[in-house]
Structure formats: structure tokens, C-alpha cells
Amino acid sequence: MKRFIALISAGWLTVTGSVHAAAAAAGDFPKALASYGDGPEKGLLETLIGRVQAEPFNAVATAIFVLAIIHTFLASKFRHMAHEIEEAHAAKIANRKRAEDNNDDGRPDEVSFKGQILHFFGEVEAVFGIWVIVLMAALGFSKGWGTVVDYVGHRVNFTEPMFVVVIMALASTRPVLRVAEQCLRAVASLGKGSVAAWWLAILVIAPILGSFITEPAAMTIAALLLARQFYELKPSPKFAYATLGLLFVNVSVGGTLTHFAAPPVLMVAATWKWDMAYMFTHFGWKAVAGIVVATALYGVYFRKELAGLNEAKRAAEAGKAKVAAEAPVPAWITIVQLGFMGFTVFVAHYPALFVGGFLFFLAFSQATAHHQGKLDLKPSLLVGFFLAGLVVHGGLQGWWIEPVLSRLGEMPLFLGATVLTAVNDNAAITYLATLVPGFTDELKYAVVAGAVTGGGLTVIANAPNPAGQSILQRYFPSGVSPIGLLVGALIPTVIMGLAFMAL
């Protein structure tokens, strides 16, 4: 037995040593942008062609990324196919009596494997992770296993996905959600607790709080409260998408009052020496103005439906039997859990610390289980999986994003950053902007303004968006349509653009 263990240990050391050696020999991939040796004097098309010739895998990585984006638009089709297959499978099970009597091998399984696979392909949160497998297979075939290990193991930063998993799980706990609800209830009470008052309070105040508790936490709290106070009343599809788009846009810009809460701002704050005073005077007050105007505009437009939902809420409350009030959460438990959130935000850049803190929170949650709700980690893990896949793909897109940004003037740069954000995480856009030499203060402002303005156009535009979609997608029968989200976010995006560039 000892010899067997020794052989296994030696084999394992050999394998891991080979992996480390292969990673060390992988070379510089992806190529540093400065190493291409092209300057702004070359045309954009000439630059892009030259970079593909210098590194052919650039084209492969971007083609796979485009396919992943197309897949997100087709996710609802996969879910529809899955439902059809599972319905047929259920009918087959219902009529299997003869197979059971014969006790043969023709008895269908209780679960349709094909249906489950199609469900997985239809999960928006799984899309980029699925295509990471294709990307890594292509990279391994092209450059070897060592390059795959080096890129994923050393060059991709997974801090943001891990942070989103932890902060989303913390923000969705019963004590934290009750505190947020009580604070917003005080504001909604000014409008007598009507649906419109709740709707306005959640969509205005929660995104602004994102500047202090981070955008992922604000998105989680806002989405959970919207689910309870708005979406459960079954608004029309048009109003449902308008609210979702408005939420995503408001959260994207709501984190700009400070320099540490919004991922696209965080990427540039230290490099460009932007502090809290700079953020508030250049971005924050404009973001607040845009949030108020956009939300008020949607509120006026949907005022009749809000009134109808209020009547539906009263009828539903009148028809319900009076239930016992939910047991209050002791203040000390709430304080401790808010402390866990505060600690996580404080050490947001250090995974070893916030993951360790989260493990202590899990122990605390178990010890106080009678005051906690069900801790469902599946949504936060799926969101983390989505973001992890996105950063793996996004790390190989700088070869074309950087030359596009460097060739634009102030207004074209703002518009370009807004559009590019729709197809790539806005934090990646601003990070690449820090690599462009010679950016003036006006250009720096334009690229960040564009990145946060476009953060609500798609689910991949801003890191907290997958969290909001994961929580609210059950209120969209066929899943959240990317086109529906885009249309819902379009008007608030225009208003935010005007606020940043005209005020």
C-alpha cells in the first residue's frame, strides 16, 4: 500500500510539474497591445488586418465570442425546445404501463437527458461558460495545453466574478433584505405605500445606494424588492421590459457617485487619479439627475398601468386571509450580517479575504438558521459562472477594441464606448482605455461616461446585470428577450447620455 501511495504521489507530482513547465513555456499570450508596433498613423482596417496576421488566433477568439453573443439571443429557443421535449417525455412516462408490466428495458427515464441538456444551453448564465470550452479547445489545439493553463491560470482575473457571487448571496439574505425593505418602505410611505411609490423608490434610491454598497449588492436588493412589490402583480410585458431596462441603466450609472463601487470606474480610478470628489462633481450629480428624469418619464408614461396594478394589489390583499406577521429578526443578527457585507465591500479586491469572510458567514447563518431564510446559492453561482466566462472571452478582445477607441474623438468616443459596452463588459472597455497613450481629460471622461451609459443595453454590458436577470427572469414566461431588454433600456440610455454630455 505504501508503495502504491508513493507511486500515485510521484505520478501526481510529475503531472503537476509538467503542467507548470508547460505553462511557463507558453510564451506571451495574448500579445501585449504595445508589441504590435502599430500606431495611430495607420488606418483602422490596416491595423486590424496587421494584428490578425501577427496573431491569427485573434480572429478565432473573436469569432467564438461573436458566436457566444448570438447564442444569448437564441437562448429562449433552446428553452422552448427543452419544454417540448420534456412534455413529450412526460407523456411517454404516463403511457408506460405496458413497459412496466413487461419489466423490459424500454422504460423511459424519469428525467429527459436531452431536455436537460437543452435547458442548460438555454440558460443565459451558462452561455459564455459553454463557449469557453470551445475557446479553450481551439486555443489548446492552436498553441498547446501550456498556453491554456497560463492564460486561464495566470492572466485572467476572476476577482470580480467571485466578489459578485459572495455579495449577491449576502445581499439576498432575509436580515439584509428586511433592512433594505424597511428603508424603502419609509420612502414609499410618502406615497401611501402604493405600487407607484414602491416602484419609484426602488428604481431611484436602490441604484444610488450602489455607490456605497457596490452595484452588485444594489442590483440584488432592487431586483428582489421589485419581484415582491411589482412583478408579482403581473404587469404587461411592455411595462415589465421597460422596468427591467430602466433598472439596468439606473444601476449602471448609479455607482458613479464614488470611485470604488462601479466596476468600469474602478478600472480607471487609480490610474487616472479619480477620487470621490472628482466622481461626484463630474459624474455623480449628473447620474442622479438622469436617474430621476428617466424614472419619472417612465412613471408618467405607465401611470395608468401603475394605477391598475395598485387596484390589483388591493384586491389581492383583500382576498387573502390574514396571515401572522413574520417574526422579526433580532437587531444584533442584522448588525452582524451588515458587518459581513461591509467587510466584503472593504476587501473587494482580495478574494482570499472576502471568500474567507463568506465561509465564516455560512457558519453564522447556520447557527442562526431560525432567523434566516433559505440560502439559495444557485443564482449567485450561475451569475459568477456567467461573469467568469465573460472575462475569459473579454481578455482576448483587446486587439480590436483598443485601436477602435484610440481613433475616436470626444463625442464619437462616447458613442463608440456606449455601443461597444453592449457587446462587451463595460469594465473591459474602460480598462482598455487606460492602455491608450495620450488620452486627454476630455477623452477619459467620454469613454467612462459612454461605458456606464450603455451598461443597461444587454445582459453582458454590466457585471451586475446577470444578477438582476437571474432573479427576475421567472416573471418572463419565455425568458428575458435580449431585444425586449434593449428596447426597454433605450430611452433611459439616451437620457443618461444627454445628462453626461450636455449638463
Protein backbone atom coordinates (compact mmCIF):
# COMPACT_ATOMS: atom_id res chain seq x y z
CA MET A 1 0.00 0.00 0.00
CA LYS A 2 2.82 2.42 0.85
CA ARG A 3 4.49 1.70 -2.49
CA PHE A 4 1.15 2.29 -4.26
CA ILE A 5 0.68 5.63 -2.49
CA ALA A 6 4.25 6.59 -3.31
CA LEU A 7 3.70 5.77 -7.00
CA ILE A 8 0.47 7.79 -7.07
CA SER A 9 2.22 10.74 -5.38
CA ALA A 10 5.14 10.57 -7.80
CA GLY A 11 2.75 10.43 -10.74
CA TRP A 12 0.80 13.39 -9.45
CA LEU A 13 3.96 15.42 -8.92
CA THR A 14 5.08 14.54 -12.43
CA VAL A 15 1.78 15.66 -13.93
CA THR A 16 1.62 18.91 -11.99
CA GLY A 17 5.27 19.58 -12.73
CA SER A 18 4.60 19.05 -16.43
CA VAL A 19 1.63 21.42 -16.29
CA HIS A 20 3.68 24.13 -14.58
CA ALA A 21 6.52 23.63 -17.03
CA ALA A 22 4.16 23.83 -19.98
CA ALA A 23 2.59 26.98 -18.59
CA ALA A 24 5.99 28.55 -18.05
CA ALA A 25 6.96 27.76 -21.64
CA ALA A 26 3.68 29.05 -23.06
CA GLY A 27 5.13 32.39 -24.01
CA ASP A 28 3.39 35.77 -24.11
CA PHE A 29 -0.26 35.17 -24.89
CA PRO A 30 -2.27 37.18 -25.51
CA LYS A 31 0.24 39.54 -27.08
CA ALA A 32 0.73 42.86 -25.31
CA LEU A 33 -1.03 45.56 -27.30
CA ALA A 34 2.15 47.65 -27.47
CA SER A 35 4.04 44.73 -29.03
CA TYR A 36 2.12 45.00 -32.31
CA GLY A 37 4.12 48.10 -33.16
CA ASP A 38 1.30 49.88 -34.98
CA GLY A 39 0.42 53.47 -34.33
CA PRO A 40 -2.50 55.81 -34.94
CA GLU A 41 -0.96 56.83 -38.26
CA LYS A 42 -2.23 53.55 -39.73
CA GLY A 43 -5.85 53.18 -40.72
CA LEU A 44 -8.16 51.11 -38.54
CA LEU A 45 -8.70 48.39 -41.10
CA GLU A 46 -4.99 48.17 -41.84
CA THR A 47 -4.24 47.93 -38.12
CA LEU A 48 -6.78 45.15 -37.55
CA ILE A 49 -5.55 43.14 -40.55
CA GLY A 50 -1.97 43.54 -39.36
CA ARG A 51 -2.85 42.32 -35.87
CA VAL A 52 -4.61 39.26 -37.23
CA GLN A 53 -1.57 38.49 -39.40
CA ALA A 54 0.70 38.91 -36.38
CA GLU A 55 -1.54 36.70 -34.22
CA PRO A 56 -4.06 34.64 -36.27
CA PHE A 57 -5.75 33.38 -33.12
CA ASN A 58 -7.16 36.90 -32.62
CA ALA A 59 -9.69 36.21 -35.36
CA VAL A 60 -10.55 32.80 -33.92
CA ALA A 61 -11.14 34.19 -30.40
CA THR A 62 -13.36 36.99 -31.69
CA ALA A 63 -15.34 34.64 -33.94
CA ILE A 64 -16.06 32.38 -30.93
CA PHE A 65 -17.02 35.44 -28.88
CA VAL A 66 -19.47 36.54 -31.59
CA LEU A 67 -20.99 33.05 -31.63
CA ALA A 68 -21.43 33.23 -27.85
CA ILE A 69 -23.26 36.56 -28.21
CA ILE A 70 -25.51 35.07 -30.91
CA HIS A 71 -26.19 32.15 -28.55
CA THR A 72 -27.50 34.56 -25.90
CA PHE A 73 -30.09 35.80 -28.40
CA LEU A 74 -31.11 32.19 -29.14
CA ALA A 75 -31.32 31.06 -25.50
CA SER A 76 -35.13 31.31 -25.46
CA LYS A 77 -35.30 29.00 -28.49
CA PHE A 78 -33.32 26.34 -26.64
CA ARG A 79 -35.63 26.66 -23.63
CA HIS A 80 -38.68 26.28 -25.88
CA MET A 81 -37.22 23.14 -27.45
CA ALA A 82 -36.44 21.78 -23.98
CA HIS A 83 -40.05 22.30 -22.86
CA GLU A 84 -41.38 20.50 -25.94
CA ILE A 85 -39.07 17.52 -25.41
CA GLU A 86 -39.89 17.30 -21.70
CA GLU A 87 -43.64 17.44 -22.39
CA ALA A 88 -43.28 14.59 -24.89
CA HIS A 89 -41.17 12.69 -22.37
CA ALA A 90 -43.81 13.20 -19.64
CA ALA A 91 -46.47 11.84 -21.99
CA LYS A 92 -44.27 8.83 -22.68
CA ILE A 93 -43.92 8.17 -18.95
CA ALA A 94 -47.69 8.46 -18.46
CA ASN A 95 -48.22 5.71 -21.05
CA ARG A 96 -45.52 3.31 -19.98
CA LYS A 97 -47.81 0.79 -18.24
CA ARG A 98 -47.12 -1.93 -20.78
CA ALA A 99 -43.38 -1.46 -20.45
CA GLU A 100 -43.70 -1.74 -16.66
CA ASP A 101 -45.81 -4.90 -16.98
CA ASN A 102 -43.22 -6.47 -19.23
CA ASN A 103 -40.42 -5.19 -16.99
CA ASP A 104 -38.24 -4.61 -20.03
CA ASP A 105 -35.51 -2.07 -20.67
CA GLY A 106 -37.82 0.16 -22.69
CA ARG A 107 -38.99 2.06 -19.62
CA PRO A 108 -38.20 5.74 -20.08
CA ASP A 109 -36.04 7.52 -17.56
CA GLU A 110 -37.79 9.88 -15.13
CA VAL A 111 -35.67 12.75 -16.46
CA SER A 112 -35.17 13.57 -20.13
CA PHE A 113 -31.41 13.85 -20.61
CA LYS A 114 -31.89 15.63 -23.94
CA GLY A 115 -34.34 18.05 -22.40
CA GLN A 116 -31.99 18.85 -19.52
CA ILE A 117 -29.10 19.49 -21.91
CA LEU A 118 -31.25 21.88 -23.94
CA HIS A 119 -32.29 23.62 -20.70
CA PHE A 120 -28.60 24.09 -19.91
CA PHE A 121 -28.00 25.56 -23.36
CA GLY A 122 -30.97 27.84 -22.76
CA GLU A 123 -29.61 29.29 -19.51
CA VAL A 124 -28.20 32.71 -20.36
CA GLU A 125 -25.87 32.46 -17.36
CA ALA A 126 -24.32 29.30 -18.83
CA VAL A 127 -23.76 30.58 -22.38
CA PHE A 128 -20.31 32.12 -22.05
CA GLY A 129 -19.09 29.24 -19.91
CA ILE A 130 -20.18 26.81 -22.63
CA TRP A 131 -18.29 28.74 -25.27
CA VAL A 132 -15.22 28.95 -23.03
CA ILE A 133 -14.91 25.20 -23.59
CA VAL A 134 -14.85 25.80 -27.35
CA LEU A 135 -12.38 28.66 -26.92
CA MET A 136 -10.02 26.65 -24.73
CA ALA A 137 -10.18 23.66 -27.08
CA ALA A 138 -9.27 25.90 -30.01
CA LEU A 139 -6.50 27.59 -28.00
CA GLY A 140 -5.09 24.25 -26.88
CA PHE A 141 -5.15 22.90 -30.43
CA SER A 142 -3.50 26.06 -31.78
CA LYS A 143 -0.92 26.80 -29.08
CA GLY A 144 -0.81 23.86 -26.72
CA TRP A 145 -2.08 23.00 -23.26
CA GLY A 146 0.54 25.14 -21.57
CA THR A 147 -0.92 28.28 -23.13
CA VAL A 148 -4.39 27.36 -21.89
CA VAL A 149 -3.08 26.86 -18.34
CA ASP A 150 -1.06 30.07 -18.44
CA TYR A 151 -3.91 32.18 -19.80
CA VAL A 152 -6.70 30.92 -17.53
CA GLY A 153 -4.50 30.31 -14.51
CA HIS A 154 -2.38 33.45 -14.52
CA ARG A 155 -3.63 36.09 -16.94
CA VAL A 156 -7.39 36.14 -16.33
CA ASN A 157 -8.54 37.92 -13.17
CA PHE A 158 -11.54 36.18 -11.60
CA THR A 159 -11.83 38.53 -8.62
CA GLU A 160 -14.96 40.27 -9.91
CA PRO A 161 -16.94 37.06 -10.59
CA MET A 162 -16.04 35.71 -7.14
CA PHE A 163 -16.98 39.01 -5.48
CA VAL A 164 -20.35 39.09 -7.25
CA VAL A 165 -21.13 35.55 -6.03
CA VAL A 166 -20.40 36.48 -2.41
CA ILE A 167 -22.05 39.92 -2.35
CA MET A 168 -25.14 38.62 -4.15
CA ALA A 169 -25.53 35.79 -1.63
CA LEU A 170 -25.11 38.20 1.30
CA ALA A 171 -27.48 40.83 -0.11
CA SER A 172 -30.26 38.28 -0.67
CA THR A 173 -30.38 37.09 2.95
CA ARG A 174 -33.50 37.75 4.99
CA PRO A 175 -31.98 40.19 7.55
CA VAL A 176 -30.32 42.37 4.88
CA LEU A 177 -33.37 42.34 2.64
CA ARG A 178 -35.64 43.28 5.56
CA VAL A 179 -33.46 46.30 6.39
CA ALA A 180 -33.49 47.44 2.76
CA GLU A 181 -37.24 46.92 2.54
CA GLN A 182 -37.87 48.87 5.74
CA CYS A 183 -35.77 51.80 4.47
CA LEU A 184 -37.55 51.87 1.13
CA ARG A 185 -40.92 51.38 2.85
CA ALA A 186 -40.31 54.62 4.71
CA VAL A 187 -39.86 56.38 1.37
CA ALA A 188 -42.78 54.56 -0.27
CA SER A 189 -44.99 55.56 2.66
CA LEU A 190 -44.78 59.14 1.39
CA GLY A 191 -46.91 57.83 -1.48
CA LYS A 192 -49.10 55.78 0.91
CA GLY A 193 -47.29 52.57 0.01
CA SER A 194 -48.85 52.40 -3.44
CA VAL A 195 -47.34 50.31 -6.24
CA ALA A 196 -46.18 53.53 -7.93
CA ALA A 197 -44.49 54.73 -4.73
CA TRP A 198 -42.67 51.42 -4.29
CA TRP A 199 -41.71 51.34 -7.96
CA LEU A 200 -40.26 54.86 -7.85
CA ALA A 201 -38.46 54.32 -4.54
CA ILE A 202 -36.80 51.09 -5.65
CA LEU A 203 -35.73 52.36 -9.07
CA VAL A 204 -34.35 55.68 -7.81
CA ILE A 205 -32.88 55.00 -4.36
CA ALA A 206 -31.51 51.46 -4.70
CA PRO A 207 -29.29 52.27 -7.74
CA ILE A 208 -27.86 55.33 -5.98
CA LEU A 209 -27.08 53.17 -2.94
CA GLY A 210 -24.92 51.17 -5.33
CA SER A 211 -22.29 53.89 -4.98
CA PHE A 212 -21.81 52.82 -1.36
CA ILE A 213 -22.75 49.14 -1.09
CA THR A 214 -21.46 48.29 -4.63
CA GLU A 215 -23.55 47.84 -7.76
CA PRO A 216 -23.98 44.03 -7.47
CA ALA A 217 -25.46 44.40 -3.98
CA ALA A 218 -27.74 47.24 -5.11
CA MET A 219 -28.89 45.20 -8.12
CA THR A 220 -29.66 42.17 -5.95
CA ILE A 221 -31.67 44.15 -3.41
CA ALA A 222 -33.53 46.17 -6.07
CA ALA A 223 -34.41 43.07 -8.11
CA LEU A 224 -35.66 41.14 -5.06
CA LEU A 225 -37.84 44.05 -3.94
CA LEU A 226 -39.17 44.65 -7.46
CA ALA A 227 -40.08 40.98 -7.64
CA ARG A 228 -42.10 41.27 -4.43
CA GLN A 229 -43.65 44.72 -4.88
CA PHE A 230 -44.09 44.89 -8.65
CA TYR A 231 -43.51 41.82 -10.80
CA GLU A 232 -45.73 39.53 -8.70
CA LEU A 233 -48.67 41.75 -9.71
CA LYS A 234 -48.12 40.62 -13.33
CA PRO A 235 -47.54 43.87 -15.25
CA SER A 236 -47.88 43.87 -19.04
CA PRO A 237 -44.84 42.56 -20.99
CA LYS A 238 -44.16 46.09 -22.25
CA PHE A 239 -44.06 47.50 -18.72
CA ALA A 240 -42.08 44.51 -17.44
CA TYR A 241 -39.32 45.03 -20.03
CA ALA A 242 -39.36 48.81 -19.57
CA THR A 243 -38.80 48.35 -15.82
CA LEU A 244 -36.03 45.80 -16.35
CA GLY A 245 -34.22 48.06 -18.84
CA LEU A 246 -34.64 51.07 -16.54
CA LEU A 247 -33.28 49.08 -13.60
CA PHE A 248 -30.18 48.01 -15.52
CA VAL A 249 -29.44 51.53 -16.77
CA ASN A 250 -30.04 53.15 -13.38
CA VAL A 251 -27.77 50.68 -11.59
CA SER A 252 -25.06 51.12 -14.22
CA VAL A 253 -24.87 54.89 -13.68
CA GLY A 254 -25.90 54.84 -10.01
CA GLY A 255 -22.48 53.62 -8.93
CA THR A 256 -20.67 56.70 -10.23
CA LEU A 257 -21.07 58.88 -7.14
CA THR A 258 -17.94 57.23 -5.71
CA HIS A 259 -14.72 55.83 -7.17
CA PHE A 260 -14.90 52.32 -5.72
CA ALA A 261 -18.37 50.86 -6.38
CA ALA A 262 -18.84 50.68 -10.17
CA PRO A 263 -16.54 48.20 -11.96
CA PRO A 264 -15.91 50.46 -15.01
CA VAL A 265 -14.93 53.34 -12.70
CA LEU A 266 -12.81 51.10 -10.50
CA MET A 267 -10.75 50.07 -13.51
CA VAL A 268 -9.56 53.63 -14.14
CA ALA A 269 -9.77 55.43 -10.78
CA ALA A 270 -6.27 54.63 -9.54
CA THR A 271 -4.56 55.03 -12.93
CA TRP A 272 -6.20 58.37 -13.70
CA LYS A 273 -6.23 59.53 -10.06
CA TRP A 274 -10.01 59.99 -9.83
CA ASP A 275 -11.17 60.33 -6.22
CA MET A 276 -14.65 60.61 -4.68
CA ALA A 277 -14.76 64.39 -5.08
CA TYR A 278 -13.92 64.11 -8.77
CA MET A 279 -16.54 61.40 -9.34
CA PHE A 280 -19.33 63.31 -7.65
CA THR A 281 -18.63 66.63 -9.33
CA HIS A 282 -18.11 65.18 -12.82
CA PHE A 283 -20.42 62.14 -12.83
CA GLY A 284 -22.42 61.66 -9.64
CA TRP A 285 -24.86 64.57 -9.69
CA LYS A 286 -25.47 64.08 -13.41
CA ALA A 287 -26.21 60.39 -12.81
CA VAL A 288 -28.73 61.27 -10.08
CA ALA A 289 -30.41 63.81 -12.39
CA GLY A 290 -30.59 61.27 -15.21
CA ILE A 291 -31.99 58.54 -12.92
CA VAL A 292 -34.72 60.85 -11.61
CA VAL A 293 -35.70 62.12 -15.08
CA ALA A 294 -35.71 58.68 -16.75
CA THR A 295 -37.67 57.05 -13.92
CA ALA A 296 -40.17 59.92 -13.75
CA LEU A 297 -40.67 59.78 -17.52
CA TYR A 298 -41.43 56.04 -17.43
CA GLY A 299 -43.65 56.59 -14.39
CA VAL A 300 -45.73 59.19 -16.23
CA TYR A 301 -45.96 57.05 -19.36
CA PHE A 302 -47.12 53.97 -17.42
CA ARG A 303 -49.20 55.88 -14.84
CA LYS A 304 -52.46 54.21 -15.88
CA GLU A 305 -50.96 50.75 -15.60
CA LEU A 306 -49.43 51.61 -12.23
CA ALA A 307 -52.88 52.67 -11.04
CA GLY A 308 -54.32 49.39 -12.33
CA LEU A 309 -51.62 47.40 -10.55
CA ASN A 310 -52.43 49.27 -7.35
CA GLU A 311 -56.07 48.20 -7.64
CA ALA A 312 -54.92 44.62 -8.30
CA LYS A 313 -52.72 44.79 -5.20
CA ARG A 314 -55.63 45.97 -3.03
CA ALA A 315 -57.91 43.26 -4.41
CA ALA A 316 -55.27 40.60 -3.79
CA GLU A 317 -54.70 41.79 -0.23
CA ALA A 318 -58.43 41.90 0.45
CA GLY A 319 -58.88 38.37 -0.89
CA LYS A 320 -56.13 36.90 1.20
CA ALA A 321 -56.70 35.50 4.64
CA LYS A 322 -54.90 37.50 7.25
CA VAL A 323 -51.58 35.84 7.95
CA ALA A 324 -49.47 36.15 11.01
CA ALA A 325 -46.79 38.79 10.85
CA GLU A 326 -43.36 37.49 10.02
CA ALA A 327 -41.20 37.10 13.09
CA PRO A 328 -38.77 40.00 13.43
CA VAL A 329 -35.05 39.45 13.08
CA PRO A 330 -33.08 40.38 16.22
CA ALA A 331 -31.15 43.60 15.73
CA TRP A 332 -27.82 42.01 16.62
CA ILE A 333 -28.16 39.43 13.83
CA THR A 334 -28.94 42.16 11.31
CA ILE A 335 -25.95 44.20 12.50
CA VAL A 336 -23.62 41.21 12.20
CA GLN A 337 -24.79 40.43 8.67
CA LEU A 338 -24.46 44.06 7.62
CA GLY A 339 -20.96 43.82 9.08
CA PHE A 340 -20.24 40.84 6.83
CA MET A 341 -21.43 42.90 3.84
CA GLY A 342 -19.32 45.87 4.88
CA PHE A 343 -16.25 43.69 5.30
CA THR A 344 -16.81 42.13 1.87
CA VAL A 345 -17.07 45.55 0.22
CA PHE A 346 -14.00 46.78 2.10
CA VAL A 347 -11.82 43.88 0.90
CA ALA A 348 -13.49 43.56 -2.52
CA HIS A 349 -10.13 43.31 -4.31
CA TYR A 350 -8.78 40.48 -2.18
CA PRO A 351 -10.53 37.14 -2.86
CA ALA A 352 -8.72 35.29 -0.08
CA LEU A 353 -10.22 37.72 2.45
CA PHE A 354 -13.80 38.02 1.20
CA VAL A 355 -14.11 34.29 0.44
CA GLY A 356 -12.77 33.53 3.93
CA GLY A 357 -15.25 36.01 5.39
CA PHE A 358 -18.05 34.33 3.43
CA LEU A 359 -17.16 30.96 4.95
CA PHE A 360 -17.49 32.49 8.40
CA PHE A 361 -20.83 33.95 7.31
CA LEU A 362 -22.06 30.49 6.26
CA ALA A 363 -21.25 29.21 9.74
CA PHE A 364 -23.05 32.18 11.32
CA SER A 365 -26.03 31.68 9.04
CA GLN A 366 -26.28 28.03 10.06
CA ALA A 367 -26.07 28.94 13.74
CA THR A 368 -28.91 31.47 13.37
CA ALA A 369 -30.93 29.44 10.85
CA HIS A 370 -34.24 30.10 12.66
CA HIS A 371 -33.89 33.80 11.77
CA GLN A 372 -32.62 33.22 8.23
CA GLY A 373 -34.43 32.45 5.01
CA LYS A 374 -33.36 29.67 2.71
CA LEU A 375 -29.83 30.40 1.47
CA ASP A 376 -30.04 29.53 -2.23
CA LEU A 377 -26.55 29.75 -3.75
CA LYS A 378 -27.57 28.54 -7.20
CA PRO A 379 -28.48 32.00 -8.64
CA SER A 380 -25.27 33.64 -7.39
CA LEU A 381 -23.11 30.74 -8.59
CA LEU A 382 -24.72 30.87 -12.05
CA VAL A 383 -24.09 34.60 -12.22
CA GLY A 384 -20.48 34.05 -11.19
CA PHE A 385 -20.16 31.37 -13.88
CA PHE A 386 -21.53 33.84 -16.44
CA LEU A 387 -19.07 36.57 -15.45
CA ALA A 388 -16.14 34.16 -15.31
CA GLY A 389 -16.88 33.06 -18.86
CA LEU A 390 -17.22 36.68 -19.93
CA VAL A 391 -13.84 37.75 -18.56
CA VAL A 392 -12.15 34.74 -20.22
CA HIS A 393 -13.59 35.79 -23.59
CA GLY A 394 -13.19 39.51 -22.94
CA GLY A 395 -9.47 39.19 -22.22
CA LEU A 396 -8.90 38.23 -25.86
CA GLN A 397 -10.85 41.11 -27.42
CA GLY A 398 -8.45 43.95 -26.67
CA TRP A 399 -6.70 43.55 -30.04
CA TRP A 400 -9.63 45.20 -31.84
CA ILE A 401 -11.26 47.30 -29.08
CA GLU A 402 -8.11 49.30 -28.27
CA PRO A 403 -7.45 50.60 -31.82
CA VAL A 404 -11.14 51.47 -32.21
CA LEU A 405 -11.10 53.56 -29.02
CA SER A 406 -7.78 55.27 -29.79
CA ARG A 407 -9.01 56.65 -33.13
CA LEU A 408 -12.15 58.39 -31.90
CA GLY A 409 -12.76 61.99 -30.88
CA GLU A 410 -14.70 63.01 -27.77
CA MET A 411 -18.29 62.56 -29.00
CA PRO A 412 -17.52 59.60 -31.30
CA LEU A 413 -15.62 58.02 -28.38
CA PHE A 414 -18.63 58.44 -26.09
CA LEU A 415 -20.94 56.88 -28.66
CA GLY A 416 -18.41 54.17 -29.51
CA ALA A 417 -17.95 53.22 -25.86
CA THR A 418 -21.73 53.09 -25.41
CA VAL A 419 -22.14 50.74 -28.38
CA LEU A 420 -19.12 48.58 -27.54
CA THR A 421 -20.41 48.19 -23.99
CA ALA A 422 -23.48 46.42 -25.37
CA VAL A 423 -21.28 43.57 -26.68
CA ASN A 424 -18.61 43.53 -24.01
CA ASP A 425 -18.46 44.17 -20.27
CA ASN A 426 -18.13 47.94 -19.68
CA ALA A 427 -15.28 47.40 -17.19
CA ALA A 428 -13.25 45.83 -20.01
CA ILE A 429 -13.90 48.89 -22.18
CA THR A 430 -12.62 51.34 -19.58
CA TYR A 431 -9.66 49.13 -18.69
CA LEU A 432 -8.54 49.08 -22.32
CA ALA A 433 -8.88 52.87 -22.38
CA THR A 434 -6.20 53.11 -19.67
CA LEU A 435 -3.79 51.39 -22.09
CA VAL A 436 -4.25 54.05 -24.78
CA PRO A 437 -1.44 56.63 -24.56
CA GLY A 438 -2.18 60.33 -24.80
CA PHE A 439 -5.79 60.30 -23.61
CA THR A 440 -6.84 63.83 -22.65
CA ASP A 441 -9.09 64.51 -19.65
CA GLU A 442 -12.00 65.07 -22.06
CA LEU A 443 -11.44 61.69 -23.74
CA LYS A 444 -11.12 59.94 -20.37
CA TYR A 445 -14.44 61.41 -19.30
CA ALA A 446 -16.10 60.47 -22.59
CA VAL A 447 -15.08 56.81 -22.52
CA VAL A 448 -16.21 56.26 -18.93
CA ALA A 449 -19.45 58.18 -19.49
CA GLY A 450 -20.16 56.06 -22.55
CA ALA A 451 -19.33 52.82 -20.74
CA VAL A 452 -21.71 53.46 -17.84
CA THR A 453 -24.41 54.91 -20.11
CA GLY A 454 -24.54 51.75 -22.22
CA GLY A 455 -24.46 49.44 -19.21
CA GLY A 456 -28.15 48.56 -19.42
CA LEU A 457 -28.48 47.71 -23.10
CA THR A 458 -27.72 43.99 -22.75
CA VAL A 459 -27.23 41.45 -20.00
CA ILE A 460 -23.48 41.34 -20.72
CA ALA A 461 -22.99 45.11 -20.67
CA ASN A 462 -22.50 45.50 -16.91
CA ALA A 463 -21.37 42.95 -14.32
CA PRO A 464 -24.45 43.23 -12.02
CA ASN A 465 -26.95 42.71 -14.88
CA PRO A 466 -26.83 38.89 -14.81
CA ALA A 467 -27.73 39.03 -11.10
CA GLY A 468 -30.83 41.10 -11.81
CA GLN A 469 -31.85 38.92 -14.73
CA SER A 470 -31.33 35.73 -12.74
CA ILE A 471 -33.70 36.98 -10.02
CA LEU A 472 -36.39 38.38 -12.32
CA GLN A 473 -36.38 36.04 -15.31
CA ARG A 474 -39.11 33.82 -13.82
CA TYR A 475 -41.55 36.69 -14.46
CA PHE A 476 -40.87 36.47 -18.19
CA PRO A 477 -42.62 33.30 -19.46
CA SER A 478 -40.23 32.69 -22.36
CA GLY A 479 -37.18 34.06 -20.59
CA VAL A 480 -35.80 37.57 -20.93
CA SER A 481 -35.63 38.54 -24.59
CA PRO A 482 -32.43 40.45 -25.49
CA ILE A 483 -34.45 42.56 -27.94
CA GLY A 484 -37.08 43.32 -25.30
CA LEU A 485 -34.37 44.36 -22.85
CA LEU A 486 -32.67 46.55 -25.48
CA VAL A 487 -35.93 48.34 -26.31
CA GLY A 488 -36.75 48.81 -22.63
CA ALA A 489 -33.32 50.32 -21.90
CA LEU A 490 -33.08 52.53 -25.00
CA ILE A 491 -34.87 55.66 -23.76
CA PRO A 492 -33.16 55.71 -20.32
CA THR A 493 -29.84 55.21 -22.12
CA VAL A 494 -30.48 58.28 -24.29
CA ILE A 495 -31.48 60.33 -21.23
CA MET A 496 -28.30 59.29 -19.37
CA GLY A 497 -26.22 60.14 -22.43
CA LEU A 498 -27.72 63.61 -22.55
CA ALA A 499 -27.18 64.05 -18.81
CA PHE A 500 -23.47 63.19 -19.06
CA MET A 501 -22.67 65.04 -22.28
CA ALA A 502 -25.00 68.06 -22.14
CA LEU A 503 -25.07 69.05 -18.45
